[in-house]
N, C-alpha and C. Protein backbone atom coordinates (compact mmCIF):
# COMPACT_ATOMS: atom_id res chain seq x y z
N MET A 1 9.19 14.55 -36.69
CA MET A 1 8.76 15.40 -35.61
C MET A 1 7.33 15.07 -35.19
N GLU A 2 6.49 14.76 -36.16
CA GLU A 2 5.10 14.42 -35.87
C GLU A 2 5.02 13.16 -35.01
N ASN A 3 5.86 12.16 -35.31
CA ASN A 3 5.88 10.92 -34.51
C ASN A 3 6.32 11.18 -33.08
N LEU A 4 7.31 12.07 -32.93
CA LEU A 4 7.77 12.40 -31.58
C LEU A 4 6.66 13.06 -30.77
N THR A 5 5.92 13.95 -31.42
CA THR A 5 4.82 14.63 -30.75
C THR A 5 3.73 13.62 -30.37
N LYS A 6 3.43 12.72 -31.29
CA LYS A 6 2.42 11.69 -31.03
C LYS A 6 2.85 10.80 -29.87
N ASP A 7 4.12 10.36 -29.88
CA ASP A 7 4.64 9.52 -28.79
C ASP A 7 4.60 10.26 -27.46
N ALA A 8 4.97 11.52 -27.47
CA ALA A 8 4.97 12.31 -26.24
C ALA A 8 3.54 12.46 -25.71
N ASN A 9 2.60 12.70 -26.58
CA ASN A 9 1.19 12.84 -26.16
C ASN A 9 0.65 11.53 -25.59
N GLU A 10 1.02 10.41 -26.20
CA GLU A 10 0.58 9.10 -25.70
C GLU A 10 1.17 8.84 -24.31
N LYS A 11 2.44 9.17 -24.12
CA LYS A 11 3.07 8.98 -22.82
C LYS A 11 2.41 9.88 -21.77
N LEU A 12 2.09 11.10 -22.15
CA LEU A 12 1.42 12.01 -21.21
C LEU A 12 0.04 11.47 -20.82
N GLU A 13 -0.68 10.89 -21.78
CA GLU A 13 -1.99 10.31 -21.49
C GLU A 13 -1.85 9.12 -20.55
N ARG A 14 -0.85 8.26 -20.80
CA ARG A 14 -0.62 7.10 -19.91
C ARG A 14 -0.23 7.57 -18.52
N TYR A 15 0.58 8.61 -18.45
CA TYR A 15 1.00 9.17 -17.16
C TYR A 15 -0.21 9.73 -16.41
N ALA A 16 -1.06 10.46 -17.09
CA ALA A 16 -2.26 11.03 -16.46
C ALA A 16 -3.18 9.91 -15.95
N GLU A 17 -3.34 8.85 -16.73
CA GLU A 17 -4.16 7.72 -16.31
C GLU A 17 -3.55 7.04 -15.09
N MET A 18 -2.24 6.88 -15.07
CA MET A 18 -1.57 6.28 -13.93
C MET A 18 -1.79 7.13 -12.68
N ARG A 19 -1.71 8.43 -12.81
CA ARG A 19 -1.95 9.33 -11.67
C ARG A 19 -3.37 9.19 -11.15
N ARG A 20 -4.34 9.06 -12.05
CA ARG A 20 -5.73 8.88 -11.64
C ARG A 20 -5.89 7.56 -10.87
N GLN A 21 -5.27 6.50 -11.39
CA GLN A 21 -5.34 5.19 -10.73
C GLN A 21 -4.74 5.26 -9.33
N ILE A 22 -3.58 5.88 -9.23
CA ILE A 22 -2.90 5.97 -7.93
C ILE A 22 -3.72 6.81 -6.95
N ALA A 23 -4.29 7.90 -7.42
CA ALA A 23 -5.09 8.76 -6.55
C ALA A 23 -6.30 8.02 -5.98
N ALA A 24 -6.84 7.08 -6.74
CA ALA A 24 -8.01 6.33 -6.31
C ALA A 24 -7.67 5.07 -5.52
N MET A 25 -6.39 4.69 -5.47
CA MET A 25 -6.00 3.46 -4.79
C MET A 25 -6.23 3.53 -3.29
N ARG A 26 -6.68 2.42 -2.77
CA ARG A 26 -6.80 2.22 -1.34
C ARG A 26 -6.49 0.75 -1.08
N SER A 27 -5.94 0.46 0.06
CA SER A 27 -5.72 -0.92 0.45
C SER A 27 -6.25 -1.11 1.85
N THR A 28 -7.02 -2.16 2.03
CA THR A 28 -7.60 -2.46 3.34
C THR A 28 -6.99 -3.76 3.85
N ALA A 29 -6.54 -3.73 5.10
CA ALA A 29 -6.01 -4.92 5.75
C ALA A 29 -6.79 -5.16 7.03
N GLN A 30 -6.87 -6.44 7.39
CA GLN A 30 -7.55 -6.82 8.61
C GLN A 30 -6.57 -7.59 9.49
N SER A 31 -6.63 -7.35 10.78
CA SER A 31 -5.76 -8.07 11.71
C SER A 31 -6.09 -9.55 11.69
N ALA A 32 -5.14 -10.36 12.14
CA ALA A 32 -5.32 -11.81 12.13
C ALA A 32 -6.55 -12.23 12.92
N ASP A 33 -6.86 -11.53 13.98
CA ASP A 33 -8.03 -11.88 14.80
C ASP A 33 -9.33 -11.27 14.27
N GLY A 34 -9.23 -10.43 13.23
CA GLY A 34 -10.40 -9.82 12.61
C GLY A 34 -10.99 -8.65 13.37
N ASN A 35 -10.32 -8.22 14.42
CA ASN A 35 -10.86 -7.16 15.26
C ASN A 35 -10.48 -5.75 14.83
N VAL A 36 -9.51 -5.63 13.95
CA VAL A 36 -9.04 -4.32 13.48
C VAL A 36 -8.98 -4.35 11.96
N THR A 37 -9.56 -3.32 11.35
CA THR A 37 -9.50 -3.16 9.90
C THR A 37 -9.02 -1.74 9.61
N VAL A 38 -8.03 -1.63 8.72
CA VAL A 38 -7.43 -0.34 8.39
C VAL A 38 -7.39 -0.17 6.88
N THR A 39 -7.71 1.02 6.41
CA THR A 39 -7.60 1.35 4.99
C THR A 39 -6.57 2.46 4.84
N VAL A 40 -5.67 2.26 3.87
CA VAL A 40 -4.56 3.19 3.65
C VAL A 40 -4.53 3.60 2.18
N ALA A 41 -4.23 4.87 1.95
CA ALA A 41 -4.05 5.41 0.60
C ALA A 41 -2.55 5.46 0.29
N PRO A 42 -2.19 5.67 -0.97
CA PRO A 42 -0.77 5.82 -1.31
C PRO A 42 -0.12 6.90 -0.45
N GLY A 43 1.13 6.67 -0.11
CA GLY A 43 1.84 7.61 0.73
C GLY A 43 1.63 7.36 2.20
N GLY A 44 0.81 6.35 2.54
CA GLY A 44 0.61 5.98 3.92
C GLY A 44 -0.52 6.70 4.64
N ALA A 45 -1.31 7.49 3.91
CA ALA A 45 -2.42 8.19 4.56
C ALA A 45 -3.48 7.18 4.98
N ILE A 46 -3.79 7.16 6.27
CA ILE A 46 -4.81 6.27 6.79
C ILE A 46 -6.16 6.92 6.53
N THR A 47 -7.02 6.22 5.81
CA THR A 47 -8.31 6.79 5.45
C THR A 47 -9.46 6.22 6.26
N ASP A 48 -9.22 5.08 6.94
CA ASP A 48 -10.28 4.50 7.75
C ASP A 48 -9.69 3.50 8.73
N ILE A 49 -10.24 3.48 9.93
CA ILE A 49 -9.91 2.49 10.95
C ILE A 49 -11.21 2.02 11.55
N ASN A 50 -11.38 0.70 11.61
CA ASN A 50 -12.54 0.11 12.26
C ASN A 50 -12.06 -0.84 13.35
N LEU A 51 -12.60 -0.64 14.54
CA LEU A 51 -12.24 -1.47 15.68
C LEU A 51 -13.50 -2.16 16.19
N SER A 52 -13.39 -3.44 16.47
CA SER A 52 -14.52 -4.15 17.06
C SER A 52 -14.54 -3.86 18.56
N GLU A 53 -15.65 -4.18 19.18
CA GLU A 53 -15.74 -4.04 20.64
C GLU A 53 -14.69 -4.90 21.32
N ARG A 54 -14.45 -6.06 20.75
CA ARG A 54 -13.43 -6.97 21.30
C ARG A 54 -12.05 -6.35 21.23
N ALA A 55 -11.76 -5.61 20.16
CA ALA A 55 -10.46 -4.95 20.02
C ALA A 55 -10.26 -3.94 21.14
N LEU A 56 -11.32 -3.26 21.51
CA LEU A 56 -11.23 -2.24 22.55
C LEU A 56 -10.97 -2.82 23.93
N ARG A 57 -11.22 -4.12 24.09
CA ARG A 57 -10.97 -4.78 25.37
C ARG A 57 -9.59 -5.43 25.44
N GLN A 58 -8.78 -5.27 24.40
CA GLN A 58 -7.47 -5.92 24.35
C GLN A 58 -6.45 -5.30 25.29
N GLY A 59 -6.61 -4.10 25.66
CA GLY A 59 -5.59 -3.39 26.41
C GLY A 59 -4.79 -2.52 25.45
N ALA A 60 -4.26 -1.45 25.98
CA ALA A 60 -3.59 -0.45 25.14
C ALA A 60 -2.41 -1.02 24.36
N ALA A 61 -1.54 -1.77 25.02
CA ALA A 61 -0.33 -2.29 24.35
C ALA A 61 -0.69 -3.24 23.21
N GLN A 62 -1.62 -4.16 23.46
CA GLN A 62 -2.01 -5.12 22.43
C GLN A 62 -2.73 -4.41 21.28
N LEU A 63 -3.63 -3.49 21.60
CA LEU A 63 -4.34 -2.76 20.55
C LEU A 63 -3.37 -1.95 19.71
N SER A 64 -2.42 -1.31 20.35
CA SER A 64 -1.41 -0.54 19.63
C SER A 64 -0.62 -1.43 18.67
N ALA A 65 -0.18 -2.59 19.16
CA ALA A 65 0.59 -3.52 18.32
C ALA A 65 -0.26 -4.01 17.14
N THR A 66 -1.53 -4.31 17.42
CA THR A 66 -2.43 -4.78 16.36
C THR A 66 -2.65 -3.69 15.32
N LEU A 67 -2.87 -2.48 15.78
CA LEU A 67 -3.04 -1.36 14.84
C LEU A 67 -1.80 -1.17 13.98
N MET A 68 -0.63 -1.17 14.61
CA MET A 68 0.61 -0.94 13.87
C MET A 68 0.85 -2.02 12.82
N SER A 69 0.64 -3.28 13.17
CA SER A 69 0.88 -4.35 12.19
C SER A 69 -0.16 -4.32 11.08
N THR A 70 -1.39 -3.95 11.39
CA THR A 70 -2.43 -3.89 10.36
C THR A 70 -2.20 -2.70 9.44
N ILE A 71 -1.79 -1.57 9.99
CA ILE A 71 -1.43 -0.41 9.17
C ILE A 71 -0.26 -0.75 8.26
N ALA A 72 0.75 -1.44 8.80
CA ALA A 72 1.92 -1.82 8.00
C ALA A 72 1.52 -2.73 6.84
N ALA A 73 0.62 -3.68 7.10
CA ALA A 73 0.18 -4.59 6.04
C ALA A 73 -0.56 -3.84 4.93
N ALA A 74 -1.46 -2.93 5.31
CA ALA A 74 -2.20 -2.16 4.32
C ALA A 74 -1.26 -1.23 3.55
N SER A 75 -0.32 -0.61 4.25
CA SER A 75 0.64 0.29 3.59
C SER A 75 1.52 -0.45 2.60
N ALA A 76 1.99 -1.64 2.99
CA ALA A 76 2.82 -2.44 2.09
C ALA A 76 2.04 -2.83 0.84
N ASP A 77 0.78 -3.22 1.03
CA ASP A 77 -0.03 -3.62 -0.12
C ASP A 77 -0.25 -2.47 -1.08
N VAL A 78 -0.61 -1.29 -0.56
CA VAL A 78 -0.85 -0.16 -1.45
C VAL A 78 0.45 0.28 -2.12
N SER A 79 1.58 0.14 -1.44
CA SER A 79 2.87 0.48 -2.05
C SER A 79 3.19 -0.46 -3.20
N ARG A 80 2.92 -1.74 -3.01
CA ARG A 80 3.16 -2.72 -4.09
C ARG A 80 2.24 -2.46 -5.28
N ARG A 81 0.99 -2.14 -5.00
CA ARG A 81 0.04 -1.85 -6.08
C ARG A 81 0.44 -0.59 -6.83
N MET A 82 0.93 0.41 -6.09
CA MET A 82 1.38 1.64 -6.71
C MET A 82 2.60 1.37 -7.60
N ALA A 83 3.52 0.56 -7.11
CA ALA A 83 4.71 0.21 -7.90
C ALA A 83 4.32 -0.51 -9.19
N ALA A 84 3.34 -1.39 -9.10
CA ALA A 84 2.88 -2.10 -10.30
C ALA A 84 2.26 -1.14 -11.30
N ALA A 85 1.60 -0.10 -10.83
CA ALA A 85 1.00 0.89 -11.73
C ALA A 85 2.07 1.76 -12.38
N VAL A 86 3.13 2.05 -11.64
CA VAL A 86 4.20 2.92 -12.15
C VAL A 86 5.15 2.17 -13.06
N ALA A 87 5.34 0.88 -12.82
CA ALA A 87 6.34 0.08 -13.54
C ALA A 87 6.31 0.23 -15.07
N PRO A 88 5.14 0.21 -15.71
CA PRO A 88 5.14 0.32 -17.17
C PRO A 88 5.70 1.65 -17.70
N LEU A 89 5.72 2.68 -16.88
CA LEU A 89 6.22 3.99 -17.33
C LEU A 89 7.64 4.27 -16.84
N ALA A 90 8.22 3.34 -16.10
CA ALA A 90 9.58 3.53 -15.60
C ALA A 90 10.59 3.32 -16.73
N PRO A 91 11.76 3.91 -16.58
CA PRO A 91 12.80 3.72 -17.59
C PRO A 91 13.15 2.24 -17.75
N ALA A 92 13.56 1.86 -18.94
CA ALA A 92 13.95 0.48 -19.22
C ALA A 92 15.03 0.04 -18.24
N GLY A 93 14.86 -1.16 -17.72
CA GLY A 93 15.84 -1.71 -16.80
C GLY A 93 15.60 -1.37 -15.35
N MET A 94 14.66 -0.47 -15.06
CA MET A 94 14.37 -0.11 -13.67
C MET A 94 13.26 -1.02 -13.16
N ASP A 95 13.56 -1.79 -12.12
CA ASP A 95 12.59 -2.70 -11.52
C ASP A 95 11.95 -1.98 -10.33
N VAL A 96 10.89 -1.24 -10.60
CA VAL A 96 10.21 -0.44 -9.59
C VAL A 96 9.67 -1.32 -8.47
N GLU A 97 9.09 -2.45 -8.84
CA GLU A 97 8.50 -3.32 -7.83
C GLU A 97 9.57 -3.88 -6.89
N ALA A 98 10.71 -4.28 -7.42
CA ALA A 98 11.79 -4.77 -6.57
C ALA A 98 12.32 -3.66 -5.67
N LEU A 99 12.40 -2.45 -6.20
CA LEU A 99 12.86 -1.31 -5.41
C LEU A 99 11.92 -1.06 -4.23
N VAL A 100 10.62 -1.07 -4.48
CA VAL A 100 9.64 -0.86 -3.41
C VAL A 100 9.71 -2.01 -2.40
N ASN A 101 9.74 -3.24 -2.90
CA ASN A 101 9.78 -4.39 -2.00
C ASN A 101 11.01 -4.39 -1.10
N SER A 102 12.12 -3.89 -1.62
CA SER A 102 13.35 -3.86 -0.83
C SER A 102 13.27 -2.86 0.33
N ARG A 103 12.34 -1.93 0.24
CA ARG A 103 12.21 -0.90 1.28
C ARG A 103 11.07 -1.17 2.26
N LEU A 104 10.31 -2.23 2.01
CA LEU A 104 9.20 -2.57 2.90
C LEU A 104 9.71 -3.43 4.04
N PRO A 105 9.12 -3.25 5.23
CA PRO A 105 9.53 -4.11 6.35
C PRO A 105 9.09 -5.55 6.10
N ALA A 106 9.80 -6.47 6.72
CA ALA A 106 9.42 -7.88 6.61
C ALA A 106 8.06 -8.08 7.26
N PRO A 107 7.23 -8.95 6.69
CA PRO A 107 5.92 -9.19 7.31
C PRO A 107 6.10 -9.83 8.67
N PRO A 108 5.16 -9.58 9.59
CA PRO A 108 5.27 -10.17 10.91
C PRO A 108 5.20 -11.69 10.83
N ARG A 109 5.90 -12.36 11.72
CA ARG A 109 5.88 -13.83 11.75
C ARG A 109 4.59 -14.28 12.40
N ASP A 110 3.99 -15.34 11.83
CA ASP A 110 2.72 -15.85 12.35
C ASP A 110 2.82 -16.37 13.77
N ASP A 111 3.98 -16.93 14.13
CA ASP A 111 4.11 -17.51 15.46
C ASP A 111 4.17 -16.46 16.56
N LEU A 112 4.25 -15.19 16.18
CA LEU A 112 4.26 -14.11 17.16
C LEU A 112 2.91 -13.41 17.23
N GLY A 113 1.93 -13.96 16.56
CA GLY A 113 0.59 -13.38 16.61
C GLY A 113 0.52 -12.00 15.96
N GLY A 114 1.33 -11.78 14.92
CA GLY A 114 1.32 -10.51 14.22
C GLY A 114 2.20 -9.45 14.86
N ARG A 115 2.91 -9.81 15.95
CA ARG A 115 3.80 -8.85 16.61
C ARG A 115 5.23 -9.21 16.32
N ARG A 116 6.11 -8.20 16.37
CA ARG A 116 7.55 -8.44 16.19
C ARG A 116 8.24 -8.42 17.50
């Protein structure tokens, strides 16, 4: 019984540490042209957006597309990092990273300038 309690306490400590790591995670992505930078927290919360003066002259449609692709890149990165943090505590045989990757959109093709 003592070993079970010790194991349970160790797992709770690892779980608490994982939660702290995830809460502090942020991922920043920059558009291919360098004019848009976005920071995203786990769960997709956008915590910062920086636009250059050049980005503001792109026109609404182009700026919107650039923002969306940059947000998607930052969100995908933070999701992958979160999955890597959770993986050690997942049940045996569960591939958390593969599960997350299977739900992420495909990255934009370079020949389309970051647009789909």
